[in-house]
Amino acid sequence: MKLTIIIIFFSLVLGVSSQRWATFLKEAGQGAKDMWRAYSDMREANYKGADKYFHARGNYDAAQRGPGGAWAAEVISNARENSQRVTDLFKYGDSGHGAEDSKADQAANRWGRSGNDPNHFRPAGLPDKY
């Protein structure tokens, strides 16, 4: 119900046609796949110091799809960082553990979404496959 109201609201306010919504949703789906691919590559590579590179790369690839991809990248990135804060709270208490890392991850996310080269964060020695 809420989603329907939101879609109607944005359609009326922004004058978005149904074709543009379809394009937006397609880009969002493709962007979500790009984010998953970057996450999977990061897990596979298991390379120390490559976290920020994969954050930037996933956001960059998703944003290149268009507004829907950039939206998906932002939503996924924020959800990931917020969920990490919650799990850290249970694990470490209110110690601020991971807060700096989360800020650095979000900076890399914004870097990639802005269209900047994710290789800025690429660590030396990371295999060319990635």
N, C-alpha and C. Protein backbone atom coordinates (compact mmCIF):
# COMPACT_ATOMS: atom_id res chain seq x y z
N MET A 1 0.82 -1.18 0.00
CA MET A 1 0.00 0.00 0.00
C MET A 1 0.86 1.25 0.00
N LYS A 2 1.86 1.29 0.91
CA LYS A 2 2.74 2.45 1.00
C LYS A 2 3.52 2.65 -0.30
N LEU A 3 4.00 1.53 -0.87
CA LEU A 3 4.75 1.61 -2.11
C LEU A 3 3.89 2.19 -3.23
N THR A 4 2.64 1.78 -3.29
CA THR A 4 1.72 2.29 -4.31
C THR A 4 1.52 3.79 -4.15
N ILE A 5 1.34 4.23 -2.93
CA ILE A 5 1.16 5.67 -2.68
C ILE A 5 2.41 6.44 -3.08
N ILE A 6 3.57 5.90 -2.75
CA ILE A 6 4.83 6.56 -3.11
C ILE A 6 4.98 6.67 -4.62
N ILE A 7 4.69 5.59 -5.33
CA ILE A 7 4.80 5.60 -6.79
C ILE A 7 3.84 6.62 -7.40
N ILE A 8 2.61 6.63 -6.92
CA ILE A 8 1.63 7.60 -7.43
C ILE A 8 2.09 9.02 -7.14
N PHE A 9 2.57 9.25 -5.93
CA PHE A 9 3.04 10.59 -5.55
C PHE A 9 4.15 11.05 -6.49
N PHE A 10 5.16 10.22 -6.67
CA PHE A 10 6.27 10.62 -7.52
C PHE A 10 5.85 10.76 -8.98
N SER A 11 4.91 9.94 -9.41
CA SER A 11 4.41 10.07 -10.77
C SER A 11 3.73 11.41 -10.98
N LEU A 12 2.94 11.82 -10.00
CA LEU A 12 2.23 13.09 -10.11
C LEU A 12 3.17 14.28 -9.96
N VAL A 13 4.01 14.22 -8.97
CA VAL A 13 4.90 15.36 -8.68
C VAL A 13 5.96 15.52 -9.76
N LEU A 14 6.55 14.44 -10.15
CA LEU A 14 7.65 14.51 -11.11
C LEU A 14 7.20 14.33 -12.56
N GLY A 15 5.98 13.95 -12.75
CA GLY A 15 5.49 13.75 -14.11
C GLY A 15 6.19 12.60 -14.82
N VAL A 16 6.51 11.57 -14.08
CA VAL A 16 7.23 10.44 -14.64
C VAL A 16 6.25 9.53 -15.37
N SER A 17 6.54 9.24 -16.62
CA SER A 17 5.67 8.35 -17.39
C SER A 17 5.94 6.90 -16.98
N SER A 18 5.03 6.02 -17.34
CA SER A 18 5.20 4.61 -16.99
C SER A 18 6.42 4.02 -17.67
N GLN A 19 6.74 4.50 -18.86
CA GLN A 19 7.91 3.99 -19.55
C GLN A 19 9.18 4.37 -18.79
N ARG A 20 9.22 5.56 -18.24
CA ARG A 20 10.39 5.98 -17.47
C ARG A 20 10.50 5.19 -16.17
N TRP A 21 9.35 4.84 -15.58
CA TRP A 21 9.39 4.00 -14.37
C TRP A 21 9.95 2.64 -14.71
N ALA A 22 9.55 2.09 -15.84
CA ALA A 22 10.06 0.78 -16.25
C ALA A 22 11.57 0.84 -16.45
N THR A 23 12.05 1.91 -17.05
CA THR A 23 13.48 2.08 -17.27
C THR A 23 14.20 2.22 -15.93
N PHE A 24 13.64 3.02 -15.04
CA PHE A 24 14.22 3.21 -13.72
C PHE A 24 14.34 1.88 -12.98
N LEU A 25 13.26 1.09 -12.99
CA LEU A 25 13.27 -0.19 -12.30
C LEU A 25 14.25 -1.17 -12.94
N LYS A 26 14.37 -1.13 -14.26
CA LYS A 26 15.34 -1.99 -14.95
C LYS A 26 16.75 -1.61 -14.53
N GLU A 27 17.04 -0.32 -14.53
CA GLU A 27 18.37 0.16 -14.11
C GLU A 27 18.65 -0.23 -12.66
N ALA A 28 17.63 -0.12 -11.82
CA ALA A 28 17.80 -0.48 -10.41
C ALA A 28 18.14 -1.96 -10.26
N GLY A 29 17.47 -2.81 -11.01
CA GLY A 29 17.76 -4.24 -10.98
C GLY A 29 19.17 -4.55 -11.46
N GLN A 30 19.56 -3.89 -12.55
CA GLN A 30 20.91 -4.09 -13.06
C GLN A 30 21.95 -3.56 -12.06
N GLY A 31 21.65 -2.43 -11.44
CA GLY A 31 22.55 -1.87 -10.44
C GLY A 31 22.71 -2.79 -9.24
N ALA A 32 21.61 -3.41 -8.83
CA ALA A 32 21.67 -4.35 -7.71
C ALA A 32 22.56 -5.54 -8.07
N LYS A 33 22.48 -6.00 -9.31
CA LYS A 33 23.36 -7.09 -9.77
C LYS A 33 24.82 -6.66 -9.75
N ASP A 34 25.08 -5.41 -10.16
CA ASP A 34 26.45 -4.89 -10.13
C ASP A 34 26.98 -4.87 -8.70
N MET A 35 26.14 -4.46 -7.77
CA MET A 35 26.55 -4.42 -6.36
C MET A 35 26.84 -5.84 -5.85
N TRP A 36 25.99 -6.79 -6.22
CA TRP A 36 26.20 -8.17 -5.80
C TRP A 36 27.49 -8.72 -6.40
N ARG A 37 27.76 -8.40 -7.66
CA ARG A 37 28.98 -8.88 -8.32
C ARG A 37 30.22 -8.34 -7.60
N ALA A 38 30.20 -7.06 -7.24
CA ALA A 38 31.34 -6.47 -6.52
C ALA A 38 31.52 -7.14 -5.15
N TYR A 39 30.41 -7.39 -4.47
CA TYR A 39 30.47 -8.06 -3.17
C TYR A 39 31.03 -9.48 -3.32
N SER A 40 30.54 -10.20 -4.33
CA SER A 40 31.02 -11.57 -4.56
C SER A 40 32.51 -11.58 -4.90
N ASP A 41 32.92 -10.64 -5.74
CA ASP A 41 34.34 -10.54 -6.09
C ASP A 41 35.20 -10.22 -4.87
N MET A 42 34.69 -9.35 -4.00
CA MET A 42 35.42 -8.99 -2.79
C MET A 42 35.61 -10.23 -1.91
N ARG A 43 34.54 -11.01 -1.75
CA ARG A 43 34.63 -12.23 -0.94
C ARG A 43 35.58 -13.24 -1.57
N GLU A 44 35.50 -13.36 -2.90
CA GLU A 44 36.37 -14.31 -3.60
C GLU A 44 37.83 -13.89 -3.52
N ALA A 45 38.09 -12.61 -3.73
CA ALA A 45 39.47 -12.11 -3.73
C ALA A 45 40.09 -12.25 -2.34
N ASN A 46 39.29 -11.96 -1.30
CA ASN A 46 39.76 -12.05 0.07
C ASN A 46 41.14 -11.38 0.21
N TYR A 47 41.23 -10.16 -0.31
CA TYR A 47 42.51 -9.45 -0.41
C TYR A 47 42.53 -8.31 0.60
N LYS A 48 43.52 -8.33 1.47
CA LYS A 48 43.63 -7.31 2.52
C LYS A 48 43.77 -5.92 1.91
N GLY A 49 42.94 -5.00 2.39
CA GLY A 49 43.00 -3.61 1.95
C GLY A 49 42.20 -3.31 0.69
N ALA A 50 41.44 -4.28 0.19
CA ALA A 50 40.70 -4.08 -1.07
C ALA A 50 39.24 -3.68 -0.84
N ASP A 51 38.82 -3.62 0.40
CA ASP A 51 37.42 -3.34 0.73
C ASP A 51 36.92 -2.06 0.06
N LYS A 52 37.65 -0.98 0.21
CA LYS A 52 37.21 0.31 -0.34
C LYS A 52 37.13 0.26 -1.86
N TYR A 53 38.06 -0.45 -2.49
CA TYR A 53 38.03 -0.59 -3.95
C TYR A 53 36.73 -1.25 -4.39
N PHE A 54 36.35 -2.33 -3.74
CA PHE A 54 35.14 -3.04 -4.14
C PHE A 54 33.88 -2.22 -3.84
N HIS A 55 33.91 -1.45 -2.76
CA HIS A 55 32.79 -0.54 -2.49
C HIS A 55 32.65 0.47 -3.63
N ALA A 56 33.76 1.10 -3.99
CA ALA A 56 33.74 2.11 -5.05
C ALA A 56 33.36 1.47 -6.39
N ARG A 57 33.89 0.30 -6.68
CA ARG A 57 33.61 -0.35 -7.96
C ARG A 57 32.14 -0.74 -8.10
N GLY A 58 31.57 -1.31 -7.05
CA GLY A 58 30.16 -1.69 -7.11
C GLY A 58 29.26 -0.49 -7.32
N ASN A 59 29.53 0.59 -6.61
CA ASN A 59 28.74 1.81 -6.75
C ASN A 59 28.96 2.45 -8.11
N TYR A 60 30.19 2.44 -8.60
CA TYR A 60 30.49 3.00 -9.91
C TYR A 60 29.74 2.24 -11.01
N ASP A 61 29.87 0.92 -10.99
CA ASP A 61 29.21 0.10 -12.02
C ASP A 61 27.69 0.30 -11.99
N ALA A 62 27.12 0.31 -10.81
CA ALA A 62 25.67 0.48 -10.68
C ALA A 62 25.23 1.86 -11.17
N ALA A 63 25.97 2.89 -10.80
CA ALA A 63 25.59 4.26 -11.20
C ALA A 63 25.71 4.47 -12.70
N GLN A 64 26.58 3.71 -13.35
CA GLN A 64 26.72 3.83 -14.80
C GLN A 64 25.47 3.35 -15.53
N ARG A 65 24.61 2.61 -14.85
CA ARG A 65 23.36 2.12 -15.45
C ARG A 65 22.35 3.25 -15.64
N GLY A 66 22.48 4.30 -14.84
CA GLY A 66 21.54 5.41 -14.90
C GLY A 66 21.00 5.73 -13.52
N PRO A 67 20.00 6.60 -13.46
CA PRO A 67 19.45 7.01 -12.16
C PRO A 67 18.95 5.83 -11.31
N GLY A 68 18.36 4.85 -11.93
CA GLY A 68 17.88 3.68 -11.17
C GLY A 68 19.02 2.91 -10.55
N GLY A 69 20.11 2.76 -11.28
CA GLY A 69 21.28 2.07 -10.76
C GLY A 69 21.92 2.83 -9.62
N ALA A 70 22.02 4.16 -9.78
CA ALA A 70 22.60 4.99 -8.71
C ALA A 70 21.73 4.91 -7.46
N TRP A 71 20.41 4.91 -7.65
CA TRP A 71 19.50 4.80 -6.51
C TRP A 71 19.69 3.46 -5.80
N ALA A 72 19.76 2.37 -6.57
CA ALA A 72 19.94 1.05 -5.99
C ALA A 72 21.27 0.98 -5.22
N ALA A 73 22.32 1.54 -5.80
CA ALA A 73 23.62 1.53 -5.14
C ALA A 73 23.57 2.27 -3.81
N GLU A 74 22.89 3.41 -3.79
CA GLU A 74 22.81 4.19 -2.56
C GLU A 74 22.00 3.45 -1.49
N VAL A 75 20.87 2.89 -1.89
CA VAL A 75 20.02 2.17 -0.94
C VAL A 75 20.75 0.96 -0.38
N ILE A 76 21.39 0.19 -1.24
CA ILE A 76 22.11 -1.01 -0.81
C ILE A 76 23.29 -0.64 0.08
N SER A 77 24.04 0.38 -0.31
CA SER A 77 25.19 0.82 0.48
C SER A 77 24.76 1.29 1.86
N ASN A 78 23.73 2.10 1.92
CA ASN A 78 23.25 2.60 3.21
C ASN A 78 22.71 1.47 4.08
N ALA A 79 21.98 0.55 3.47
CA ALA A 79 21.44 -0.58 4.23
C ALA A 79 22.57 -1.43 4.81
N ARG A 80 23.59 -1.65 4.01
CA ARG A 80 24.73 -2.45 4.46
C ARG A 80 25.44 -1.79 5.64
N GLU A 81 25.72 -0.51 5.51
CA GLU A 81 26.43 0.18 6.58
C GLU A 81 25.57 0.30 7.84
N ASN A 82 24.28 0.55 7.67
CA ASN A 82 23.39 0.65 8.83
C ASN A 82 23.23 -0.70 9.54
N SER A 83 23.14 -1.77 8.77
CA SER A 83 23.02 -3.09 9.40
C SER A 83 24.31 -3.45 10.12
N GLN A 84 25.43 -3.02 9.57
CA GLN A 84 26.71 -3.29 10.22
C GLN A 84 26.79 -2.54 11.56
N ARG A 85 26.26 -1.32 11.59
CA ARG A 85 26.25 -0.57 12.85
C ARG A 85 25.44 -1.29 13.92
N VAL A 86 24.31 -1.87 13.52
CA VAL A 86 23.46 -2.58 14.47
C VAL A 86 24.18 -3.82 14.98
N THR A 87 24.77 -4.60 14.09
CA THR A 87 25.46 -5.81 14.54
C THR A 87 26.67 -5.46 15.40
N ASP A 88 27.38 -4.38 15.06
CA ASP A 88 28.50 -3.95 15.89
C ASP A 88 28.04 -3.53 17.28
N LEU A 89 26.86 -2.91 17.36
CA LEU A 89 26.31 -2.49 18.64
C LEU A 89 26.08 -3.71 19.54
N PHE A 90 25.53 -4.78 18.99
CA PHE A 90 25.31 -6.00 19.77
C PHE A 90 26.63 -6.68 20.11
N LYS A 91 27.57 -6.62 19.20
CA LYS A 91 28.83 -7.32 19.37
C LYS A 91 29.79 -6.59 20.31
N TYR A 92 29.86 -5.26 20.16
CA TYR A 92 30.87 -4.49 20.90
C TYR A 92 30.28 -3.45 21.85
N GLY A 93 28.97 -3.32 21.89
CA GLY A 93 28.35 -2.28 22.71
C GLY A 93 28.48 -0.93 22.04
N ASP A 94 28.26 0.11 22.78
CA ASP A 94 28.30 1.46 22.23
C ASP A 94 29.73 2.02 22.27
N SER A 95 30.67 1.25 21.71
CA SER A 95 32.08 1.63 21.77
C SER A 95 32.52 2.46 20.58
N GLY A 96 31.67 2.58 19.57
CA GLY A 96 32.06 3.29 18.35
C GLY A 96 32.91 2.41 17.45
N HIS A 97 33.02 1.13 17.79
CA HIS A 97 33.80 0.20 16.99
C HIS A 97 33.29 0.17 15.56
N GLY A 98 34.16 0.37 14.62
CA GLY A 98 33.79 0.31 13.21
C GLY A 98 33.23 1.59 12.64
N ALA A 99 33.06 2.63 13.47
CA ALA A 99 32.47 3.88 12.98
C ALA A 99 33.36 4.53 11.92
N GLU A 100 34.64 4.54 12.16
CA GLU A 100 35.58 5.15 11.19
C GLU A 100 35.60 4.34 9.90
N ASP A 101 35.59 3.02 10.02
CA ASP A 101 35.59 2.17 8.84
C ASP A 101 34.32 2.38 8.03
N SER A 102 33.20 2.52 8.72
CA SER A 102 31.92 2.76 8.05
C SER A 102 31.95 4.09 7.29
N LYS A 103 32.50 5.12 7.92
CA LYS A 103 32.62 6.42 7.25
C LYS A 103 33.50 6.31 6.00
N ALA A 104 34.58 5.57 6.11
CA ALA A 104 35.48 5.39 4.96
C ALA A 104 34.79 4.59 3.85
N ASP A 105 34.02 3.57 4.24
CA ASP A 105 33.25 2.80 3.24
C ASP A 105 32.26 3.70 2.51
N GLN A 106 31.56 4.55 3.27
CA GLN A 106 30.57 5.44 2.66
C GLN A 106 31.25 6.47 1.74
N ALA A 107 32.43 6.92 2.11
CA ALA A 107 33.17 7.83 1.23
C ALA A 107 33.53 7.14 -0.08
N ALA A 108 33.95 5.88 0.00
CA ALA A 108 34.26 5.11 -1.22
C ALA A 108 32.99 4.88 -2.03
N ASN A 109 31.87 4.63 -1.35
CA ASN A 109 30.59 4.45 -2.05
C ASN A 109 30.23 5.71 -2.84
N ARG A 110 30.32 6.86 -2.18
CA ARG A 110 30.00 8.14 -2.85
C ARG A 110 30.96 8.42 -4.00
N TRP A 111 32.23 8.09 -3.80
CA TRP A 111 33.24 8.27 -4.85
C TRP A 111 32.82 7.52 -6.12
N GLY A 112 32.49 6.26 -5.97
CA GLY A 112 32.09 5.45 -7.11
C GLY A 112 30.80 5.93 -7.74
N ARG A 113 29.79 6.24 -6.92
CA ARG A 113 28.51 6.72 -7.45
C ARG A 113 28.65 8.03 -8.20
N SER A 114 29.65 8.81 -7.84
CA SER A 114 29.87 10.11 -8.49
C SER A 114 30.52 9.96 -9.85
N GLY A 115 30.87 8.74 -10.22
CA GLY A 115 31.49 8.51 -11.52
C GLY A 115 33.01 8.60 -11.50
N ASN A 116 33.58 8.72 -10.30
CA ASN A 116 35.04 8.74 -10.18
C ASN A 116 35.61 7.34 -10.32
N ASP A 117 36.85 7.25 -10.77
CA ASP A 117 37.51 5.98 -11.04
C ASP A 117 37.70 5.17 -9.76
N PRO A 118 37.10 3.98 -9.67
CA PRO A 118 37.26 3.16 -8.47
C PRO A 118 38.70 2.69 -8.26
N ASN A 119 39.51 2.72 -9.31
CA ASN A 119 40.90 2.28 -9.18
C ASN A 119 41.70 3.18 -8.24
N HIS A 120 41.15 4.32 -7.89
CA HIS A 120 41.76 5.20 -6.89
C HIS A 120 41.98 4.44 -5.58
N PHE A 121 41.09 3.48 -5.29
CA PHE A 121 41.16 2.71 -4.05
C PHE A 121 41.79 1.33 -4.26
N ARG A 122 42.20 1.02 -5.47
CA ARG A 122 42.72 -0.31 -5.78
C ARG A 122 44.07 -0.53 -5.08
N PRO A 123 44.17 -1.58 -4.28
CA PRO A 123 45.44 -1.84 -3.60
C PRO A 123 46.45 -2.48 -4.56
N ALA A 124 47.71 -2.19 -4.33
CA ALA A 124 48.77 -2.79 -5.14
C ALA A 124 48.73 -4.30 -4.97
N GLY A 125 48.88 -5.01 -6.06
CA GLY A 125 48.94 -6.47 -6.02
C GLY A 125 47.60 -7.18 -6.17
N LEU A 126 46.49 -6.42 -6.19
CA LEU A 126 45.20 -7.08 -6.39
C LEU A 126 45.18 -7.66 -7.80
N PRO A 127 44.85 -8.94 -7.94
CA PRO A 127 44.88 -9.56 -9.28
C PRO A 127 44.06 -8.79 -10.31
N ASP A 128 44.55 -8.79 -11.55
CA ASP A 128 43.90 -8.05 -12.65
C ASP A 128 42.48 -8.54 -12.91
N LYS A 129 42.17 -9.76 -12.49
CA LYS A 129 40.83 -10.31 -12.67
C LYS A 129 39.76 -9.39 -12.09
N TYR A 130 40.14 -8.62 -11.07
CA TYR A 130 39.18 -7.75 -10.38
C TYR A 130 39.36 -6.32 -10.83
